[in-house]
Amino acid sequence: MPSILVVDDHPTARRTIRSLLAGHHISVCGEAVDGEEAIAKVRKLRPDIVLLDINMPVMNGIQAAYEVRQIAPSTKVIFLTIHDAPETAAVLRLLADEFIPKSAAGTMLIPTVKRLFQT
């Protein structure tokens, strides 16, 4: 199973995501609270997948996704965010492999992670 870095500035969101993944025996190799910390952890941990929130302090998820692409091009990026408008999703997919609205995380997260790990 893939190793995943969970990046969100809200502790409750990180705990919920970790719990969803653990229920399917998917390893969380680390957590970060902003994009800057995420970049440091991608360099150190080399996760297979990075789950990124967009609205975070210090460095937002969009900037972090761009940096992840530069330093770890084989790492898959999933945006997990409250922004769920179709046009927003289309733009976000330019920087990420997938986009999941937080409102659909319970049903979409596990299938998306499994599909990305197989590609």
PDB file of N, CA and C in Angstrom:
ATOM      1  N   MET A   1       0.836  -1.185   0.000  1.00  0.00           N
ATOM      2  CA  MET A   1       0.000   0.000   0.000  1.00  0.00           C
ATOM      3  C   MET A   1       0.883   1.250   0.000  1.00  0.00           C
ATOM      4  N   PRO A   2       0.326   2.346  -0.491  1.00  0.00           N
ATOM      5  CA  PRO A   2       1.121   3.569  -0.602  1.00  0.00           C
ATOM      6  C   PRO A   2       1.378   4.239   0.740  1.00  0.00           C
ATOM      7  N   SER A   3       2.437   5.020   0.784  1.00  0.00           N
ATOM      8  CA  SER A   3       2.665   5.877   1.950  1.00  0.00           C
ATOM      9  C   SER A   3       2.114   7.254   1.607  1.00  0.00           C
ATOM     10  N   ILE A   4       1.454   7.870   2.581  1.00  0.00           N
ATOM     11  CA  ILE A   4       0.749   9.119   2.331  1.00  0.00           C
ATOM     12  C   ILE A   4       1.153  10.179   3.341  1.00  0.00           C
ATOM     13  N   LEU A   5       1.362  11.386   2.839  1.00  0.00           N
ATOM     14  CA  LEU A   5       1.585  12.562   3.668  1.00  0.00           C
ATOM     15  C   LEU A   5       0.282  13.357   3.674  1.00  0.00           C
ATOM     16  N   VAL A   6      -0.249  13.633   4.858  1.00  0.00           N
ATOM     17  CA  VAL A   6      -1.507  14.370   5.012  1.00  0.00           C
ATOM     18  C   VAL A   6      -1.176  15.810   5.401  1.00  0.00           C
ATOM     19  N   VAL A   7      -1.651  16.764   4.594  1.00  0.00           N
ATOM     20  CA  VAL A   7      -1.324  18.172   4.814  1.00  0.00           C
ATOM     21  C   VAL A   7      -2.609  18.987   4.952  1.00  0.00           C
ATOM     22  N   ASP A   8      -2.859  19.466   6.155  1.00  0.00           N
ATOM     23  CA  ASP A   8      -4.037  20.290   6.436  1.00  0.00           C
ATOM     24  C   ASP A   8      -3.748  21.068   7.708  1.00  0.00           C
ATOM     25  N   ASP A   9      -4.171  22.318   7.757  1.00  0.00           N
ATOM     26  CA  ASP A   9      -3.894  23.123   8.946  1.00  0.00           C
ATOM     27  C   ASP A   9      -4.861  22.858  10.088  1.00  0.00           C
ATOM     28  N   HIS A  10      -5.875  22.059   9.863  1.00  0.00           N
ATOM     29  CA  HIS A  10      -6.842  21.734  10.916  1.00  0.00           C
ATOM     30  C   HIS A  10      -6.566  20.335  11.485  1.00  0.00           C
ATOM     31  N   PRO A  11      -6.248  20.244  12.778  1.00  0.00           N
ATOM     32  CA  PRO A  11      -5.954  18.941  13.391  1.00  0.00           C
ATOM     33  C   PRO A  11      -7.102  17.941  13.253  1.00  0.00           C
ATOM     34  N   THR A  12      -8.334  18.405  13.350  1.00  0.00           N
ATOM     35  CA  THR A  12      -9.480  17.496  13.228  1.00  0.00           C
ATOM     36  C   THR A  12      -9.536  16.886  11.837  1.00  0.00           C
ATOM     37  N   ALA A  13      -9.265  17.677  10.821  1.00  0.00           N
ATOM     38  CA  ALA A  13      -9.263  17.163   9.447  1.00  0.00           C
ATOM     39  C   ALA A  13      -8.171  16.112   9.279  1.00  0.00           C
ATOM     40  N   ARG A  14      -6.981  16.384   9.808  1.00  0.00           N
ATOM     41  CA  ARG A  14      -5.888  15.405   9.703  1.00  0.00           C
ATOM     42  C   ARG A  14      -6.239  14.105  10.415  1.00  0.00           C
ATOM     43  N   ARG A  15      -6.827  14.207  11.606  1.00  0.00           N
ATOM     44  CA  ARG A  15      -7.220  12.999  12.355  1.00  0.00           C
ATOM     45  C   ARG A  15      -8.270  12.196  11.588  1.00  0.00           C
ATOM     46  N   THR A  16      -9.242  12.882  11.019  1.00  0.00           N
ATOM     47  CA  THR A  16     -10.302  12.204  10.272  1.00  0.00           C
ATOM     48  C   THR A  16      -9.733  11.484   9.056  1.00  0.00           C
ATOM     49  N   ILE A  17      -8.867  12.153   8.323  1.00  0.00           N
ATOM     50  CA  ILE A  17      -8.248  11.545   7.143  1.00  0.00           C
ATOM     51  C   ILE A  17      -7.410  10.344   7.548  1.00  0.00           C
ATOM     52  N   ARG A  18      -6.617  10.505   8.587  1.00  0.00           N
ATOM     53  CA  ARG A  18      -5.783   9.394   9.073  1.00  0.00           C
ATOM     54  C   ARG A  18      -6.649   8.198   9.456  1.00  0.00           C
ATOM     55  N   SER A  19      -7.758   8.453  10.112  1.00  0.00           N
ATOM     56  CA  SER A  19      -8.668   7.387  10.530  1.00  0.00           C
ATOM     57  C   SER A  19      -9.276   6.672   9.322  1.00  0.00           C
ATOM     58  N   LEU A  20      -9.708   7.435   8.325  1.00  0.00           N
ATOM     59  CA  LEU A  20     -10.259   6.829   7.104  1.00  0.00           C
ATOM     60  C   LEU A  20      -9.229   5.922   6.441  1.00  0.00           C
ATOM     61  N   LEU A  21      -8.010   6.397   6.327  1.00  0.00           N
ATOM     62  CA  LEU A  21      -6.952   5.620   5.680  1.00  0.00           C
ATOM     63  C   LEU A  21      -6.582   4.387   6.495  1.00  0.00           C
ATOM     64  N   ALA A  22      -6.468   4.542   7.802  1.00  0.00           N
ATOM     65  CA  ALA A  22      -6.099   3.417   8.669  1.00  0.00           C
ATOM     66  C   ALA A  22      -7.126   2.298   8.590  1.00  0.00           C
ATOM     67  N   GLY A  23      -8.378   2.655   8.423  1.00  0.00           N
ATOM     68  CA  GLY A  23      -9.432   1.652   8.305  1.00  0.00           C
ATOM     69  C   GLY A  23      -9.284   0.769   7.080  1.00  0.00           C
ATOM     70  N   HIS A  24      -8.441   1.193   6.146  1.00  0.00           N
ATOM     71  CA  HIS A  24      -8.193   0.415   4.927  1.00  0.00           C
ATOM     72  C   HIS A  24      -6.726   0.005   4.820  1.00  0.00           C
ATOM     73  N   HIS A  25      -6.036   0.023   5.944  1.00  0.00           N
ATOM     74  CA  HIS A  25      -4.632  -0.404   6.028  1.00  0.00           C
ATOM     75  C   HIS A  25      -3.727   0.383   5.084  1.00  0.00           C
ATOM     76  N   ILE A  26      -3.992   1.690   4.984  1.00  0.00           N
ATOM     77  CA  ILE A  26      -3.161   2.569   4.169  1.00  0.00           C
ATOM     78  C   ILE A  26      -2.295   3.394   5.118  1.00  0.00           C
ATOM     79  N   SER A  27      -1.004   3.364   4.893  1.00  0.00           N
ATOM     80  CA  SER A  27      -0.036   3.979   5.794  1.00  0.00           C
ATOM     81  C   SER A  27       0.071   5.492   5.615  1.00  0.00           C
ATOM     82  N   VAL A  28      -0.018   6.210   6.729  1.00  0.00           N
ATOM     83  CA  VAL A  28       0.254   7.645   6.745  1.00  0.00           C
ATOM     84  C   VAL A  28       1.676   7.800   7.272  1.00  0.00           C
ATOM     85  N   CYS A  29       2.564   8.289   6.419  1.00  0.00           N
ATOM     86  CA  CYS A  29       3.973   8.400   6.821  1.00  0.00           C
ATOM     87  C   CYS A  29       4.265   9.701   7.551  1.00  0.00           C
ATOM     88  N   GLY A  30       3.339  10.657   7.471  1.00  0.00           N
ATOM     89  CA  GLY A  30       3.559  11.918   8.157  1.00  0.00           C
ATOM     90  C   GLY A  30       2.419  12.889   7.961  1.00  0.00           C
ATOM     91  N   GLU A  31       2.492  13.986   8.706  1.00  0.00           N
ATOM     92  CA  GLU A  31       1.500  15.049   8.628  1.00  0.00           C
ATOM     93  C   GLU A  31       2.229  16.381   8.572  1.00  0.00           C
ATOM     94  N   ALA A  32       1.564  17.372   7.976  1.00  0.00           N
ATOM     95  CA  ALA A  32       2.090  18.733   7.943  1.00  0.00           C
ATOM     96  C   ALA A  32       0.930  19.704   8.093  1.00  0.00           C
ATOM     97  N   VAL A  33       1.228  20.885   8.634  1.00  0.00           N
ATOM     98  CA  VAL A  33       0.177  21.874   8.894  1.00  0.00           C
ATOM     99  C   VAL A  33       0.140  22.998   7.863  1.00  0.00           C
ATOM    100  N   ASP A  34       1.133  23.051   6.980  1.00  0.00           N
ATOM    101  CA  ASP A  34       1.135  24.061   5.924  1.00  0.00           C
ATOM    102  C   ASP A  34       2.021  23.577   4.780  1.00  0.00           C
ATOM    103  N   GLY A  35       1.992  24.319   3.694  1.00  0.00           N
ATOM    104  CA  GLY A  35       2.744  23.912   2.518  1.00  0.00           C
ATOM    105  C   GLY A  35       4.241  23.868   2.720  1.00  0.00           C
ATOM    106  N   GLU A  36       4.759  24.801   3.491  1.00  0.00           N
ATOM    107  CA  GLU A  36       6.201  24.831   3.741  1.00  0.00           C
ATOM    108  C   GLU A  36       6.660  23.571   4.472  1.00  0.00           C
ATOM    109  N   GLU A  37       5.924  23.189   5.501  1.00  0.00           N
ATOM    110  CA  GLU A  37       6.257  21.960   6.229  1.00  0.00           C
ATOM    111  C   GLU A  37       6.071  20.742   5.323  1.00  0.00           C
ATOM    112  N   ALA A  38       5.067  20.788   4.465  1.00  0.00           N
ATOM    113  CA  ALA A  38       4.825  19.680   3.536  1.00  0.00           C
ATOM    114  C   ALA A  38       6.020  19.461   2.619  1.00  0.00           C
ATOM    115  N   ILE A  39       6.577  20.533   2.092  1.00  0.00           N
ATOM    116  CA  ILE A  39       7.730  20.420   1.196  1.00  0.00           C
ATOM    117  C   ILE A  39       8.904  19.775   1.923  1.00  0.00           C
ATOM    118  N   ALA A  40       9.165  20.204   3.142  1.00  0.00           N
ATOM    119  CA  ALA A  40      10.256  19.615   3.929  1.00  0.00           C
ATOM    120  C   ALA A  40      10.018  18.127   4.149  1.00  0.00           C
ATOM    121  N   LYS A  41       8.774  17.749   4.435  1.00  0.00           N
ATOM    122  CA  LYS A  41       8.480  16.334   4.690  1.00  0.00           C
ATOM    123  C   LYS A  41       8.498  15.503   3.411  1.00  0.00           C
ATOM    124  N   VAL A  42       8.129  16.090   2.287  1.00  0.00           N
ATOM    125  CA  VAL A  42       8.234  15.362   1.014  1.00  0.00           C
ATOM    126  C   VAL A  42       9.698  15.053   0.734  1.00  0.00           C
ATOM    127  N   ARG A  43      10.562  16.018   0.963  1.00  0.00           N
ATOM    128  CA  ARG A  43      12.004  15.788   0.757  1.00  0.00           C
ATOM    129  C   ARG A  43      12.528  14.673   1.659  1.00  0.00           C
ATOM    130  N   LYS A  44      12.080  14.671   2.901  1.00  0.00           N
ATOM    131  CA  LYS A  44      12.581  13.706   3.888  1.00  0.00           C
ATOM    132  C   LYS A  44      11.932  12.332   3.750  1.00  0.00           C
ATOM    133  N   LEU A  45      10.614  12.288   3.596  1.00  0.00           N
ATOM    134  CA  LEU A  45       9.872  11.024   3.667  1.00  0.00           C
ATOM    135  C   LEU A  45       9.619  10.363   2.315  1.00  0.00           C
ATOM    136  N   ARG A  46       9.649  11.134   1.238  1.00  0.00           N
ATOM    137  CA  ARG A  46       9.375  10.615  -0.110  1.00  0.00           C
ATOM    138  C   ARG A  46       8.077   9.802  -0.167  1.00  0.00           C
ATOM    139  N   PRO A  47       6.948  10.413   0.202  1.00  0.00           N
ATOM    140  CA  PRO A  47       5.678   9.677   0.169  1.00  0.00           C
ATOM    141  C   PRO A  47       5.252   9.364  -1.265  1.00  0.00           C
ATOM    142  N   ASP A  48       4.427   8.337  -1.401  1.00  0.00           N
ATOM    143  CA  ASP A  48       3.867   8.007  -2.713  1.00  0.00           C
ATOM    144  C   ASP A  48       2.798   9.017  -3.112  1.00  0.00           C
ATOM    145  N   ILE A  49       2.035   9.473  -2.120  1.00  0.00           N
ATOM    146  CA  ILE A  49       0.915  10.385  -2.354  1.00  0.00           C
ATOM    147  C   ILE A  49       0.938  11.489  -1.302  1.00  0.00           C
ATOM    148  N   VAL A  50       0.630  12.721  -1.734  1.00  0.00           N
ATOM    149  CA  VAL A  50       0.455  13.846  -0.818  1.00  0.00           C
ATOM    150  C   VAL A  50      -0.993  14.304  -0.922  1.00  0.00           C
ATOM    151  N   LEU A  51      -1.690  14.299   0.206  1.00  0.00           N
ATOM    152  CA  LEU A  51      -3.052  14.835   0.286  1.00  0.00           C
ATOM    153  C   LEU A  51      -2.935  16.268   0.772  1.00  0.00           C
ATOM    154  N   LEU A  52      -3.359  17.224  -0.044  1.00  0.00           N
ATOM    155  CA  LEU A  52      -3.156  18.640   0.255  1.00  0.00           C
ATOM    156  C   LEU A  52      -4.461  19.408   0.380  1.00  0.00           C
ATOM    157  N   ASP A  53      -4.602  20.121   1.479  1.00  0.00           N
ATOM    158  CA  ASP A  53      -5.643  21.137   1.576  1.00  0.00           C
ATOM    159  C   ASP A  53      -5.136  22.339   0.770  1.00  0.00           C
ATOM    160  N   ILE A  54      -6.032  23.237   0.389  1.00  0.00           N
ATOM    161  CA  ILE A  54      -5.602  24.407  -0.371  1.00  0.00           C
ATOM    162  C   ILE A  54      -5.364  25.611   0.527  1.00  0.00           C
ATOM    163  N   ASN A  55      -6.326  25.925   1.367  1.00  0.00           N
ATOM    164  CA  ASN A  55      -6.227  27.122   2.212  1.00  0.00           C
ATOM    165  C   ASN A  55      -5.471  26.813   3.494  1.00  0.00           C
ATOM    166  N   MET A  56      -4.186  27.192   3.499  1.00  0.00           N
ATOM    167  CA  MET A  56      -3.343  26.979   4.673  1.00  0.00           C
ATOM    168  C   MET A  56      -2.451  28.193   4.861  1.00  0.00           C
ATOM    169  N   PRO A  57      -1.983  28.414   6.090  1.00  0.00           N
ATOM    170  CA  PRO A  57      -1.059  29.531   6.325  1.00  0.00           C
ATOM    171  C   PRO A  57       0.334  29.225   5.771  1.00  0.00           C
ATOM    172  N   VAL A  58       1.174  30.218   5.764  1.00  0.00           N
ATOM    173  CA  VAL A  58       2.580  30.163   5.357  1.00  0.00           C
ATOM    174  C   VAL A  58       2.714  29.899   3.852  1.00  0.00           C
ATOM    175  N   MET A  59       2.323  28.712   3.394  1.00  0.00           N
ATOM    176  CA  MET A  59       2.328  28.379   1.969  1.00  0.00           C
ATOM    177  C   MET A  59       1.066  27.576   1.692  1.00  0.00           C
ATOM    178  N   ASN A  60       0.270  28.032   0.731  1.00  0.00           N
ATOM    179  CA  ASN A  60      -0.980  27.319   0.449  1.00  0.00           C
ATOM    180  C   ASN A  60      -0.734  26.038  -0.342  1.00  0.00           C
ATOM    181  N   GLY A  61      -1.778  25.247  -0.494  1.00  0.00           N
ATOM    182  CA  GLY A  61      -1.665  23.958  -1.160  1.00  0.00           C
ATOM    183  C   GLY A  61      -1.320  24.045  -2.630  1.00  0.00           C
ATOM    184  N   ILE A  62      -1.744  25.107  -3.288  1.00  0.00           N
ATOM    185  CA  ILE A  62      -1.432  25.267  -4.713  1.00  0.00           C
ATOM    186  C   ILE A  62       0.065  25.480  -4.898  1.00  0.00           C
ATOM    187  N   GLN A  63       0.643  26.359  -4.096  1.00  0.00           N
ATOM    188  CA  GLN A  63       2.095  26.576  -4.154  1.00  0.00           C
ATOM    189  C   GLN A  63       2.844  25.299  -3.782  1.00  0.00           C
ATOM    190  N   ALA A  64       2.351  24.604  -2.764  1.00  0.00           N
ATOM    191  CA  ALA A  64       3.004  23.369  -2.327  1.00  0.00           C
ATOM    192  C   ALA A  64       2.953  22.306  -3.418  1.00  0.00           C
ATOM    193  N   ALA A  65       1.820  22.182  -4.105  1.00  0.00           N
ATOM    194  CA  ALA A  65       1.698  21.192  -5.185  1.00  0.00           C
ATOM    195  C   ALA A  65       2.724  21.470  -6.281  1.00  0.00           C
ATOM    196  N   TYR A  66       2.892  22.728  -6.619  1.00  0.00           N
ATOM    197  CA  TYR A  66       3.885  23.099  -7.625  1.00  0.00           C
ATOM    198  C   TYR A  66       5.282  22.667  -7.180  1.00  0.00           C
ATOM    199  N   GLU A  67       5.621  22.930  -5.927  1.00  0.00           N
ATOM    200  CA  GLU A  67       6.934  22.552  -5.397  1.00  0.00           C
ATOM    201  C   GLU A  67       7.113  21.034  -5.357  1.00  0.00           C
ATOM    202  N   VAL A  68       6.068  20.320  -4.956  1.00  0.00           N
ATOM    203  CA  VAL A  68       6.139  18.850  -4.922  1.00  0.00           C
ATOM    204  C   VAL A  68       6.458  18.325  -6.318  1.00  0.00           C
ATOM    205  N   ARG A  69       5.819  18.877  -7.321  1.00  0.00           N
ATOM    206  CA  ARG A  69       6.069  18.456  -8.706  1.00  0.00           C
ATOM    207  C   ARG A  69       7.531  18.654  -9.095  1.00  0.00           C
ATOM    208  N   GLN A  70       8.158  19.698  -8.555  1.00  0.00           N
ATOM    209  CA  GLN A  70       9.553  19.990  -8.885  1.00  0.00           C
ATOM    210  C   GLN A  70      10.520  19.040  -8.177  1.00  0.00           C
ATOM    211  N   ILE A  71      10.262  18.763  -6.901  1.00  0.00           N
ATOM    212  CA  ILE A  71      11.233  17.985  -6.116  1.00  0.00           C
ATOM    213  C   ILE A  71      10.963  16.486  -6.107  1.00  0.00           C
ATOM    214  N   ALA A  72       9.734  16.085  -6.386  1.00  0.00           N
ATOM    215  CA  ALA A  72       9.377  14.656  -6.360  1.00  0.00           C
ATOM    216  C   ALA A  72       8.338  14.381  -7.448  1.00  0.00           C
ATOM    217  N   PRO A  73       8.758  14.419  -8.714  1.00  0.00           N
ATOM    218  CA  PRO A  73       7.800  14.313  -9.816  1.00  0.00           C
ATOM    219  C   PRO A  73       6.976  13.024  -9.839  1.00  0.00           C
ATOM    220  N   SER A  74       7.459  11.967  -9.232  1.00  0.00           N
ATOM    221  CA  SER A  74       6.685  10.719  -9.234  1.00  0.00           C
ATOM    222  C   SER A  74       5.654  10.664  -8.106  1.00  0.00           C
ATOM    223  N   THR A  75       5.733  11.596  -7.164  1.00  0.00           N
ATOM    224  CA  THR A  75       4.763  11.646  -6.069  1.00  0.00           C
ATOM    225  C   THR A  75       3.426  12.131  -6.601  1.00  0.00           C
ATOM    226  N   LYS A  76       2.377  11.402  -6.284  1.00  0.00           N
ATOM    227  CA  LYS A  76       1.024  11.780  -6.696  1.00  0.00           C
ATOM    228  C   LYS A  76       0.498  12.843  -5.741  1.00  0.00           C
ATOM    229  N   VAL A  77      -0.286  13.772  -6.273  1.00  0.00           N
ATOM    230  CA  VAL A  77      -0.862  14.854  -5.476  1.00  0.00           C
ATOM    231  C   VAL A  77      -2.377  14.803  -5.580  1.00  0.00           C
ATOM    232  N   ILE A  78      -3.027  14.824  -4.420  1.00  0.00           N
ATOM    233  CA  ILE A  78      -4.488  14.893  -4.358  1.00  0.00           C
ATOM    234  C   ILE A  78      -4.856  16.143  -3.573  1.00  0.00           C
ATOM    235  N   PHE A  79      -5.637  17.027  -4.195  1.00  0.00           N
ATOM    236  CA  PHE A  79      -6.194  18.154  -3.451  1.00  0.00           C
ATOM    237  C   PHE A  79      -7.438  17.672  -2.736  1.00  0.00           C
ATOM    238  N   LEU A  80      -7.510  17.947  -1.458  1.00  0.00           N
ATOM    239  CA  LEU A  80      -8.665  17.616  -0.624  1.00  0.00           C
ATOM    240  C   LEU A  80      -9.109  18.936  -0.013  1.00  0.00           C
ATOM    241  N   THR A  81     -10.218  19.493  -0.526  1.00  0.00           N
ATOM    242  CA  THR A  81     -10.547  20.873  -0.182  1.00  0.00           C
ATOM    243  C   THR A  81     -12.043  21.139  -0.120  1.00  0.00           C
ATOM    244  N   ILE A  82     -12.391  22.246   0.507  1.00  0.00           N
ATOM    245  CA  ILE A  82     -13.798  22.641   0.581  1.00  0.00           C
ATOM    246  C   ILE A  82     -14.277  23.240  -0.734  1.00  0.00           C
ATOM    247  N   HIS A  83     -13.375  23.626  -1.599  1.00  0.00           N
ATOM    248  CA  HIS A  83     -13.740  24.218  -2.890  1.00  0.00           C
ATOM    249  C   HIS A  83     -14.217  23.112  -3.825  1.00  0.00           C
ATOM    250  N   ASP A  84     -15.507  23.131  -4.169  1.00  0.00           N
ATOM    251  CA  ASP A  84     -16.017  22.019  -4.972  1.00  0.00           C
ATOM    252  C   ASP A  84     -16.716  22.434  -6.261  1.00  0.00           C
ATOM    253  N   ALA A  85     -16.564  23.672  -6.682  1.00  0.00           N
ATOM    254  CA  ALA A  85     -17.157  24.100  -7.949  1.00  0.00           C
ATOM    255  C   ALA A  85     -16.455  23.383  -9.102  1.00  0.00           C
ATOM    256  N   PRO A  86     -17.192  22.967 -10.136  1.00  0.00           N
ATOM    257  CA  PRO A  86     -16.580  22.238 -11.256  1.00  0.00           C
ATOM    258  C   PRO A  86     -15.417  22.986 -11.908  1.00  0.00           C
ATOM    259  N   GLU A  87     -15.546  24.297 -12.053  1.00  0.00           N
ATOM    260  CA  GLU A  87     -14.453  25.050 -12.679  1.00  0.00           C
ATOM    261  C   GLU A  87     -13.219  25.088 -11.777  1.00  0.00           C
ATOM    262  N   THR A  88     -13.427  25.095 -10.481  1.00  0.00           N
ATOM    263  CA  THR A  88     -12.305  25.035  -9.542  1.00  0.00           C
ATOM    264  C   THR A  88     -11.603  23.691  -9.665  1.00  0.00           C
ATOM    265  N   ALA A  89     -12.375  22.622  -9.726  1.00  0.00           N
ATOM    266  CA  ALA A  89     -11.807  21.279  -9.867  1.00  0.00           C
ATOM    267  C   ALA A  89     -10.984  21.172 -11.141  1.00  0.00           C
ATOM    268  N   ALA A  90     -11.476  21.738 -12.229  1.00  0.00           N
ATOM    269  CA  ALA A  90     -10.758  21.669 -13.504  1.00  0.00           C
ATOM    270  C   ALA A  90      -9.403  22.369 -13.413  1.00  0.00           C
ATOM    271  N   VAL A  91      -9.366  23.517 -12.778  1.00  0.00           N
ATOM    272  CA  VAL A  91      -8.113  24.256 -12.625  1.00  0.00           C
ATOM    273  C   VAL A  91      -7.154  23.506 -11.698  1.00  0.00           C
ATOM    274  N   LEU A  92      -7.672  22.979 -10.595  1.00  0.00           N
ATOM    275  CA  LEU A  92      -6.816  22.284  -9.633  1.00  0.00           C
ATOM    276  C   LEU A  92      -6.198  21.025 -10.220  1.00  0.00           C
ATOM    277  N   ARG A  93      -6.893  20.382 -11.144  1.00  0.00           N
ATOM    278  CA  ARG A  93      -6.351  19.163 -11.757  1.00  0.00           C
ATOM    279  C   ARG A  93      -5.133  19.450 -12.640  1.00  0.00           C
ATOM    280  N   LEU A  94      -4.890  20.717 -12.952  1.00  0.00           N
ATOM    281  CA  LEU A  94      -3.684  21.063 -13.702  1.00  0.00           C
ATOM    282  C   LEU A  94      -2.427  20.847 -12.858  1.00  0.00           C
ATOM    283  N   LEU A  95      -2.560  20.963 -11.543  1.00  0.00           N
ATOM    284  CA  LEU A  95      -1.421  20.790 -10.639  1.00  0.00           C
ATOM    285  C   LEU A  95      -1.454  19.480  -9.869  1.00  0.00           C
ATOM    286  N   ALA A  96      -2.592  18.821  -9.874  1.00  0.00           N
ATOM    287  CA  ALA A  96      -2.741  17.614  -9.053  1.00  0.00           C
ATOM    288  C   ALA A  96      -3.220  16.449  -9.906  1.00  0.00           C
ATOM    289  N   ASP A  97      -3.014  15.259  -9.379  1.00  0.00           N
ATOM    290  CA  ASP A  97      -3.508  14.061 -10.058  1.00  0.00           C
ATOM    291  C   ASP A  97      -4.997  13.879  -9.836  1.00  0.00           C
ATOM    292  N   GLU A  98      -5.488  14.375  -8.706  1.00  0.00           N
ATOM    293  CA  GLU A  98      -6.910  14.233  -8.372  1.00  0.00           C
ATOM    294  C   GLU A  98      -7.357  15.386  -7.505  1.00  0.00           C
ATOM    295  N   PHE A  99      -8.662  15.525  -7.429  1.00  0.00           N
ATOM    296  CA  PHE A  99      -9.320  16.557  -6.636  1.00  0.00           C
ATOM    297  C   PHE A  99     -10.490  15.899  -5.923  1.00  0.00           C
ATOM    298  N   ILE A 100     -10.549  16.052  -4.611  1.00  0.00           N
ATOM    299  CA  ILE A 100     -11.657  15.490  -3.834  1.00  0.00           C
ATOM    300  C   ILE A 100     -12.237  16.593  -2.957  1.00  0.00           C
ATOM    301  N   PRO A 101     -13.527  16.894  -3.111  1.00  0.00           N
ATOM    302  CA  PRO A 101     -14.148  17.836  -2.176  1.00  0.00           C
ATOM    303  C   PRO A 101     -14.167  17.211  -0.779  1.00  0.00           C
ATOM    304  N   LYS A 102     -13.886  18.003   0.243  1.00  0.00           N
ATOM    305  CA  LYS A 102     -13.900  17.459   1.607  1.00  0.00           C
ATOM    306  C   LYS A 102     -15.254  16.850   1.946  1.00  0.00           C
ATOM    307  N   SER A 103     -16.312  17.401   1.378  1.00  0.00           N
ATOM    308  CA  SER A 103     -17.653  16.874   1.652  1.00  0.00           C
ATOM    309  C   SER A 103     -17.833  15.455   1.125  1.00  0.00           C
ATOM    310  N   ALA A 104     -16.975  15.026   0.203  1.00  0.00           N
ATOM    311  CA  ALA A 104     -17.074  13.683  -0.373  1.00  0.00           C
ATOM    312  C   ALA A 104     -15.920  12.778   0.044  1.00  0.00           C
ATOM    313  N   ALA A 105     -15.097  13.228   0.979  1.00  0.00           N
ATOM    314  CA  ALA A 105     -13.919  12.445   1.371  1.00  0.00           C
ATOM    315  C   ALA A 105     -14.283  11.050   1.856  1.00  0.00           C
ATOM    316  N   GLY A 106     -15.375  10.926   2.579  1.00  0.00           N
ATOM    317  CA  GLY A 106     -15.772   9.622   3.111  1.00  0.00           C
ATOM    318  C   GLY A 106     -16.031   8.579   2.046  1.00  0.00           C
ATOM    319  N   THR A 107     -16.486   9.002   0.879  1.00  0.00           N
ATOM    320  CA  THR A 107     -16.782   8.048  -0.195  1.00  0.00           C
ATOM    321  C   THR A 107     -15.724   8.022  -1.292  1.00  0.00           C
ATOM    322  N   MET A 108     -15.008   9.126  -1.487  1.00  0.00           N
ATOM    323  CA  MET A 108     -14.072   9.206  -2.612  1.00  0.00           C
ATOM    324  C   MET A 108     -12.606   8.962  -2.265  1.00  0.00           C
ATOM    325  N   LEU A 109     -12.223   9.191  -1.018  1.00  0.00           N
ATOM    326  CA  LEU A 109     -10.801   9.156  -0.674  1.00  0.00           C
ATOM    327  C   LEU A 109     -10.161   7.791  -0.917  1.00  0.00           C
ATOM    328  N   ILE A 110     -10.715   6.753  -0.363  1.00  0.00           N
ATOM    329  CA  ILE A 110     -10.093   5.422  -0.472  1.00  0.00           C
ATOM    330  C   ILE A 110     -10.031   4.942  -1.923  1.00  0.00           C
ATOM    331  N   PRO A 111     -11.136   4.990  -2.687  1.00  0.00           N
ATOM    332  CA  PRO A 111     -11.035   4.562  -4.090  1.00  0.00           C
ATOM    333  C   PRO A 111     -10.022   5.384  -4.895  1.00  0.00           C
ATOM    334  N   THR A 112      -9.947   6.675  -4.617  1.00  0.00           N
ATOM    335  CA  THR A 112      -9.003   7.532  -5.340  1.00  0.00           C
ATOM    336  C   THR A 112      -7.565   7.158  -5.007  1.00  0.00           C
ATOM    337  N   VAL A 113      -7.270   6.968  -3.739  1.00  0.00           N
ATOM    338  CA  VAL A 113      -5.916   6.580  -3.326  1.00  0.00           C
ATOM    339  C   VAL A 113      -5.543   5.237  -3.952  1.00  0.00           C
ATOM    340  N   LYS A 114      -6.431   4.277  -3.898  1.00  0.00           N
ATOM    341  CA  LYS A 114      -6.132   2.953  -4.465  1.00  0.00           C
ATOM    342  C   LYS A 114      -5.902   3.033  -5.970  1.00  0.00           C
ATOM    343  N   ARG A 115      -6.707   3.829  -6.660  1.00  0.00           N
ATOM    344  CA  ARG A 115      -6.553   3.969  -8.107  1.00  0.00           C
ATOM    345  C   ARG A 115      -5.225   4.642  -8.448  1.00  0.00           C
ATOM    346  N   LEU A 116      -4.870   5.694  -7.734  1.00  0.00           N
ATOM    347  CA  LEU A 116      -3.612   6.384  -8.010  1.00  0.00           C
ATOM    348  C   LEU A 116      -2.405   5.511  -7.702  1.00  0.00           C
ATOM    349  N   PHE A 117      -2.522   4.692  -6.691  1.00  0.00           N
ATOM    350  CA  PHE A 117      -1.397   3.830  -6.343  1.00  0.00           C
ATOM    351  C   PHE A 117      -1.160   2.774  -7.419  1.00  0.00           C
ATOM    352  N   GLN A 118      -2.210   2.403  -8.121  1.00  0.00           N
ATOM    353  CA  GLN A 118      -2.083   1.388  -9.170  1.00  0.00           C
ATOM    354  C   GLN A 118      -1.555   1.951 -10.476  1.00  0.00           C
ATOM    355  N   THR A 119      -1.550   3.285 -10.615  1.00  0.00           N
ATOM    356  CA  THR A 119      -1.091   3.881 -11.879  1.00  0.00           C
ATOM    357  C   THR A 119       0.383   4.179 -11.852  1.00  0.00           C
TER     358      THR A 119
END
